[in-house]
Amino acid sequence: MKLPIELPEAAATKLREEADRLGVRPEDLATAAVIDLLHREADDFHAAADYVLRKNRDLYQRLA
């Protein structure tokens, strides 16, 4: 999926600098950052849901 985005100049400069430091294209770094962000949010949600289910397991069994 191609998704054109517009960055403020300061953010674009930081993206180019970090991409240069890592030896990758800015587009590839931006793609990796978005994928990482989406994956991290899913992990955070699942971790929180697992915690709530474990914490309240006895209550849920009594209510069932």
PDB file of N, CA and C in Angstrom:
ATOM      1  N   MET A   1       0.848  -1.168   0.000  1.00  0.00           N
ATOM      2  CA  MET A   1       0.000   0.000   0.000  1.00  0.00           C
ATOM      3  C   MET A   1       0.894   1.231   0.000  1.00  0.00           C
ATOM      4  N   LYS A   2       0.637   2.096  -0.921  1.00  0.00           N
ATOM      5  CA  LYS A   2       1.369   3.357  -0.945  1.00  0.00           C
ATOM      6  C   LYS A   2       0.518   4.403  -0.244  1.00  0.00           C
ATOM      7  N   LEU A   3       1.168   5.169   0.611  1.00  0.00           N
ATOM      8  CA  LEU A   3       0.461   6.166   1.392  1.00  0.00           C
ATOM      9  C   LEU A   3       1.300   7.431   1.430  1.00  0.00           C
ATOM     10  N   PRO A   4       0.946   8.430   0.648  1.00  0.00           N
ATOM     11  CA  PRO A   4       1.726   9.662   0.696  1.00  0.00           C
ATOM     12  C   PRO A   4       1.451  10.401   2.007  1.00  0.00           C
ATOM     13  N   ILE A   5       2.506  10.858   2.633  1.00  0.00           N
ATOM     14  CA  ILE A   5       2.349  11.639   3.870  1.00  0.00           C
ATOM     15  C   ILE A   5       3.140  12.933   3.735  1.00  0.00           C
ATOM     16  N   GLU A   6       2.744  13.898   4.503  1.00  0.00           N
ATOM     17  CA  GLU A   6       3.448  15.177   4.512  1.00  0.00           C
ATOM     18  C   GLU A   6       3.973  15.408   5.922  1.00  0.00           C
ATOM     19  N   LEU A   7       5.281  15.629   6.019  1.00  0.00           N
ATOM     20  CA  LEU A   7       5.917  15.865   7.309  1.00  0.00           C
ATOM     21  C   LEU A   7       6.320  17.322   7.434  1.00  0.00           C
ATOM     22  N   PRO A   8       6.254  17.849   8.645  1.00  0.00           N
ATOM     23  CA  PRO A   8       6.841  19.171   8.863  1.00  0.00           C
ATOM     24  C   PRO A   8       8.334  19.106   8.543  1.00  0.00           C
ATOM     25  N   GLU A   9       8.901  20.207   8.130  1.00  0.00           N
ATOM     26  CA  GLU A   9      10.300  20.218   7.691  1.00  0.00           C
ATOM     27  C   GLU A   9      11.248  19.694   8.772  1.00  0.00           C
ATOM     28  N   ALA A  10      11.007  20.049  10.024  1.00  0.00           N
ATOM     29  CA  ALA A  10      11.886  19.589  11.107  1.00  0.00           C
ATOM     30  C   ALA A  10      11.842  18.064  11.219  1.00  0.00           C
ATOM     31  N   ALA A  11      10.648  17.467  11.107  1.00  0.00           N
ATOM     32  CA  ALA A  11      10.527  16.016  11.192  1.00  0.00           C
ATOM     33  C   ALA A  11      11.167  15.349   9.976  1.00  0.00           C
ATOM     34  N   ALA A  12      10.991  15.943   8.803  1.00  0.00           N
ATOM     35  CA  ALA A  12      11.595  15.396   7.589  1.00  0.00           C
ATOM     36  C   ALA A  12      13.119  15.415   7.684  1.00  0.00           C
ATOM     37  N   THR A  13      13.653  16.472   8.255  1.00  0.00           N
ATOM     38  CA  THR A  13      15.109  16.577   8.427  1.00  0.00           C
ATOM     39  C   THR A  13      15.601  15.485   9.372  1.00  0.00           C
ATOM     40  N   LYS A  14      14.906  15.303  10.497  1.00  0.00           N
ATOM     41  CA  LYS A  14      15.299  14.252  11.442  1.00  0.00           C
ATOM     42  C   LYS A  14      15.204  12.873  10.806  1.00  0.00           C
ATOM     43  N   LEU A  15      14.161  12.655  10.010  1.00  0.00           N
ATOM     44  CA  LEU A  15      14.002  11.368   9.333  1.00  0.00           C
ATOM     45  C   LEU A  15      15.164  11.123   8.376  1.00  0.00           C
ATOM     46  N   ARG A  16      15.523  12.128   7.576  1.00  0.00           N
ATOM     47  CA  ARG A  16      16.646  11.983   6.644  1.00  0.00           C
ATOM     48  C   ARG A  16      17.951  11.731   7.385  1.00  0.00           C
ATOM     49  N   GLU A  17      18.174  12.471   8.473  1.00  0.00           N
ATOM     50  CA  GLU A  17      19.412  12.303   9.247  1.00  0.00           C
ATOM     51  C   GLU A  17      19.508  10.902   9.849  1.00  0.00           C
ATOM     52  N   GLU A  18      18.408  10.417  10.412  1.00  0.00           N
ATOM     53  CA  GLU A  18      18.420   9.083  11.020  1.00  0.00           C
ATOM     54  C   GLU A  18      18.574   8.011   9.954  1.00  0.00           C
ATOM     55  N   ALA A  19      17.916   8.188   8.826  1.00  0.00           N
ATOM     56  CA  ALA A  19      18.058   7.232   7.729  1.00  0.00           C
ATOM     57  C   ALA A  19      19.506   7.198   7.230  1.00  0.00           C
ATOM     58  N   ASP A  20      20.131   8.367   7.096  1.00  0.00           N
ATOM     59  CA  ASP A  20      21.537   8.419   6.686  1.00  0.00           C
ATOM     60  C   ASP A  20      22.423   7.698   7.694  1.00  0.00           C
ATOM     61  N   ARG A  21      22.152   7.936   8.973  1.00  0.00           N
ATOM     62  CA  ARG A  21      22.945   7.298  10.025  1.00  0.00           C
ATOM     63  C   ARG A  21      22.836   5.776   9.954  1.00  0.00           C
ATOM     64  N   LEU A  22      21.650   5.289   9.630  1.00  0.00           N
ATOM     65  CA  LEU A  22      21.408   3.848   9.566  1.00  0.00           C
ATOM     66  C   LEU A  22      21.745   3.245   8.211  1.00  0.00           C
ATOM     67  N   GLY A  23      21.975   4.095   7.228  1.00  0.00           N
ATOM     68  CA  GLY A  23      22.312   3.612   5.898  1.00  0.00           C
ATOM     69  C   GLY A  23      21.122   3.050   5.128  1.00  0.00           C
ATOM     70  N   VAL A  24      19.935   3.626   5.373  1.00  0.00           N
ATOM     71  CA  VAL A  24      18.730   3.194   4.657  1.00  0.00           C
ATOM     72  C   VAL A  24      18.054   4.406   4.035  1.00  0.00           C
ATOM     73  N   ARG A  25      17.115   4.128   3.159  1.00  0.00           N
ATOM     74  CA  ARG A  25      16.350   5.220   2.560  1.00  0.00           C
ATOM     75  C   ARG A  25      15.345   5.752   3.584  1.00  0.00           C
ATOM     76  N   PRO A  26      15.068   7.056   3.569  1.00  0.00           N
ATOM     77  CA  PRO A  26      14.071   7.605   4.490  1.00  0.00           C
ATOM     78  C   PRO A  26      12.715   6.912   4.368  1.00  0.00           C
ATOM     79  N   GLU A  27      12.328   6.553   3.151  1.00  0.00           N
ATOM     80  CA  GLU A  27      11.048   5.872   2.942  1.00  0.00           C
ATOM     81  C   GLU A  27      11.013   4.525   3.661  1.00  0.00           C
ATOM     82  N   ASP A  28      12.135   3.801   3.615  1.00  0.00           N
ATOM     83  CA  ASP A  28      12.196   2.501   4.280  1.00  0.00           C
ATOM     84  C   ASP A  28      12.162   2.646   5.795  1.00  0.00           C
ATOM     85  N   LEU A  29      12.832   3.668   6.299  1.00  0.00           N
ATOM     86  CA  LEU A  29      12.815   3.914   7.742  1.00  0.00           C
ATOM     87  C   LEU A  29      11.408   4.286   8.199  1.00  0.00           C
ATOM     88  N   ALA A  30      10.722   5.126   7.444  1.00  0.00           N
ATOM     89  CA  ALA A  30       9.354   5.514   7.798  1.00  0.00           C
ATOM     90  C   ALA A  30       8.429   4.302   7.782  1.00  0.00           C
ATOM     91  N   THR A  31       8.569   3.443   6.785  1.00  0.00           N
ATOM     92  CA  THR A  31       7.753   2.233   6.701  1.00  0.00           C
ATOM     93  C   THR A  31       8.000   1.342   7.912  1.00  0.00           C
ATOM     94  N   ALA A  32       9.259   1.135   8.250  1.00  0.00           N
ATOM     95  CA  ALA A  32       9.597   0.293   9.402  1.00  0.00           C
ATOM     96  C   ALA A  32       9.039   0.888  10.689  1.00  0.00           C
ATOM     97  N   ALA A  33       9.084   2.198  10.829  1.00  0.00           N
ATOM     98  CA  ALA A  33       8.576   2.853  12.039  1.00  0.00           C
ATOM     99  C   ALA A  33       7.074   2.666  12.172  1.00  0.00           C
ATOM    100  N   VAL A  34       6.349   2.792  11.072  1.00  0.00           N
ATOM    101  CA  VAL A  34       4.898   2.615  11.117  1.00  0.00           C
ATOM    102  C   VAL A  34       4.551   1.170  11.457  1.00  0.00           C
ATOM    103  N   ILE A  35       5.220   0.219  10.819  1.00  0.00           N
ATOM    104  CA  ILE A  35       4.968  -1.194  11.102  1.00  0.00           C
ATOM    105  C   ILE A  35       5.262  -1.502  12.567  1.00  0.00           C
ATOM    106  N   ASP A  36       6.366  -0.972  13.085  1.00  0.00           N
ATOM    107  CA  ASP A  36       6.713  -1.192  14.490  1.00  0.00           C
ATOM    108  C   ASP A  36       5.661  -0.606  15.411  1.00  0.00           C
ATOM    109  N   LEU A  37       5.196   0.585  15.112  1.00  0.00           N
ATOM    110  CA  LEU A  37       4.173   1.231  15.933  1.00  0.00           C
ATOM    111  C   LEU A  37       2.893   0.405  15.958  1.00  0.00           C
ATOM    112  N   LEU A  38       2.460  -0.070  14.809  1.00  0.00           N
ATOM    113  CA  LEU A  38       1.239  -0.863  14.754  1.00  0.00           C
ATOM    114  C   LEU A  38       1.390  -2.180  15.498  1.00  0.00           C
ATOM    115  N   HIS A  39       2.537  -2.801  15.400  1.00  0.00           N
ATOM    116  CA  HIS A  39       2.784  -4.059  16.100  1.00  0.00           C
ATOM    117  C   HIS A  39       2.846  -3.839  17.610  1.00  0.00           C
ATOM    118  N   ARG A  40       3.491  -2.773  18.020  1.00  0.00           N
ATOM    119  CA  ARG A  40       3.632  -2.484  19.456  1.00  0.00           C
ATOM    120  C   ARG A  40       2.273  -2.241  20.093  1.00  0.00           C
ATOM    121  N   GLU A  41       1.393  -1.500  19.428  1.00  0.00           N
ATOM    122  CA  GLU A  41       0.070  -1.241  19.986  1.00  0.00           C
ATOM    123  C   GLU A  41      -0.699  -2.539  20.166  1.00  0.00           C
ATOM    124  N   ALA A  42      -0.582  -3.464  19.215  1.00  0.00           N
ATOM    125  CA  ALA A  42      -1.264  -4.741  19.332  1.00  0.00           C
ATOM    126  C   ALA A  42      -0.710  -5.523  20.524  1.00  0.00           C
ATOM    127  N   ASP A  43       0.611  -5.513  20.682  1.00  0.00           N
ATOM    128  CA  ASP A  43       1.228  -6.210  21.812  1.00  0.00           C
ATOM    129  C   ASP A  43       0.783  -5.602  23.132  1.00  0.00           C
ATOM    130  N   ASP A  44       0.743  -4.275  23.219  1.00  0.00           N
ATOM    131  CA  ASP A  44       0.317  -3.606  24.443  1.00  0.00           C
ATOM    132  C   ASP A  44      -1.126  -3.966  24.788  1.00  0.00           C
ATOM    133  N   PHE A  45      -1.993  -3.980  23.780  1.00  0.00           N
ATOM    134  CA  PHE A  45      -3.393  -4.311  24.014  1.00  0.00           C
ATOM    135  C   PHE A  45      -3.526  -5.744  24.523  1.00  0.00           C
ATOM    136  N   HIS A  46      -2.847  -6.666  23.863  1.00  0.00           N
ATOM    137  CA  HIS A  46      -2.944  -8.068  24.271  1.00  0.00           C
ATOM    138  C   HIS A  46      -2.378  -8.278  25.670  1.00  0.00           C
ATOM    139  N   ALA A  47      -1.312  -7.613  26.000  1.00  0.00           N
ATOM    140  CA  ALA A  47      -0.732  -7.739  27.338  1.00  0.00           C
ATOM    141  C   ALA A  47      -1.715  -7.214  28.388  1.00  0.00           C
ATOM    142  N   ALA A  48      -2.346  -6.082  28.110  1.00  0.00           N
ATOM    143  CA  ALA A  48      -3.302  -5.509  29.053  1.00  0.00           C
ATOM    144  C   ALA A  48      -4.526  -6.409  29.191  1.00  0.00           C
ATOM    145  N   ALA A  49      -5.015  -6.939  28.075  1.00  0.00           N
ATOM    146  CA  ALA A  49      -6.181  -7.818  28.121  1.00  0.00           C
ATOM    147  C   ALA A  49      -5.858  -9.096  28.902  1.00  0.00           C
ATOM    148  N   ASP A  50      -4.697  -9.675  28.671  1.00  0.00           N
ATOM    149  CA  ASP A  50      -4.298 -10.877  29.413  1.00  0.00           C
ATOM    150  C   ASP A  50      -4.218 -10.604  30.905  1.00  0.00           C
ATOM    151  N   TYR A  51      -3.669  -9.455  31.270  1.00  0.00           N
ATOM    152  CA  TYR A  51      -3.554  -9.090  32.688  1.00  0.00           C
ATOM    153  C   TYR A  51      -4.936  -8.992  33.333  1.00  0.00           C
ATOM    154  N   VAL A  52      -5.853  -8.303  32.664  1.00  0.00           N
ATOM    155  CA  VAL A  52      -7.198  -8.130  33.225  1.00  0.00           C
ATOM    156  C   VAL A  52      -7.902  -9.474  33.351  1.00  0.00           C
ATOM    157  N   LEU A  53      -7.769 -10.316  32.340  1.00  0.00           N
ATOM    158  CA  LEU A  53      -8.420 -11.634  32.405  1.00  0.00           C
ATOM    159  C   LEU A  53      -7.844 -12.490  33.528  1.00  0.00           C
ATOM    160  N   ARG A  54      -6.521 -12.488  33.693  1.00  0.00           N
ATOM    161  CA  ARG A  54      -5.909 -13.267  34.781  1.00  0.00           C
ATOM    162  C   ARG A  54      -6.317 -12.706  36.142  1.00  0.00           C
ATOM    163  N   LYS A  55      -6.279 -11.398  36.270  1.00  0.00           N
ATOM    164  CA  LYS A  55      -6.584 -10.758  37.548  1.00  0.00           C
ATOM    165  C   LYS A  55      -8.014 -11.041  37.988  1.00  0.00           C
ATOM    166  N   ASN A  56      -8.923 -11.068  37.036  1.00  0.00           N
ATOM    167  CA  ASN A  56     -10.344 -11.216  37.374  1.00  0.00           C
ATOM    168  C   ASN A  56     -10.902 -12.598  37.058  1.00  0.00           C
ATOM    169  N   ARG A  57     -10.044 -13.599  36.865  1.00  0.00           N
ATOM    170  CA  ARG A  57     -10.484 -14.938  36.484  1.00  0.00           C
ATOM    171  C   ARG A  57     -11.516 -15.497  37.474  1.00  0.00           C
ATOM    172  N   ASP A  58     -11.248 -15.407  38.775  1.00  0.00           N
ATOM    173  CA  ASP A  58     -12.191 -15.946  39.770  1.00  0.00           C
ATOM    174  C   ASP A  58     -13.539 -15.243  39.694  1.00  0.00           C
ATOM    175  N   LEU A  59     -13.523 -13.943  39.566  1.00  0.00           N
ATOM    176  CA  LEU A  59     -14.771 -13.181  39.466  1.00  0.00           C
ATOM    177  C   LEU A  59     -15.565 -13.622  38.241  1.00  0.00           C
ATOM    178  N   TYR A  60     -14.899 -13.746  37.096  1.00  0.00           N
ATOM    179  CA  TYR A  60     -15.583 -14.163  35.888  1.00  0.00           C
ATOM    180  C   TYR A  60     -16.187 -15.561  36.041  1.00  0.00           C
ATOM    181  N   GLN A  61     -15.481 -16.460  36.723  1.00  0.00           N
ATOM    182  CA  GLN A  61     -16.012 -17.813  36.911  1.00  0.00           C
ATOM    183  C   GLN A  61     -17.239 -17.790  37.819  1.00  0.00           C
ATOM    184  N   ARG A  62     -17.228 -16.950  38.853  1.00  0.00           N
ATOM    185  CA  ARG A  62     -18.408 -16.864  39.740  1.00  0.00           C
ATOM    186  C   ARG A  62     -19.599 -16.261  39.020  1.00  0.00           C
ATOM    187  N   LEU A  63     -19.340 -15.331  38.107  1.00  0.00           N
ATOM    188  CA  LEU A  63     -20.434 -14.686  37.382  1.00  0.00           C
ATOM    189  C   LEU A  63     -20.999 -15.562  36.263  1.00  0.00           C
ATOM    190  N   ALA A  64     -20.227 -16.537  35.838  1.00  0.00           N
ATOM    191  CA  ALA A  64     -20.676 -17.392  34.702  1.00  0.00           C
ATOM    192  C   ALA A  64     -21.787 -18.328  35.102  1.00  0.00           C
TER     193      ALA A  64
END
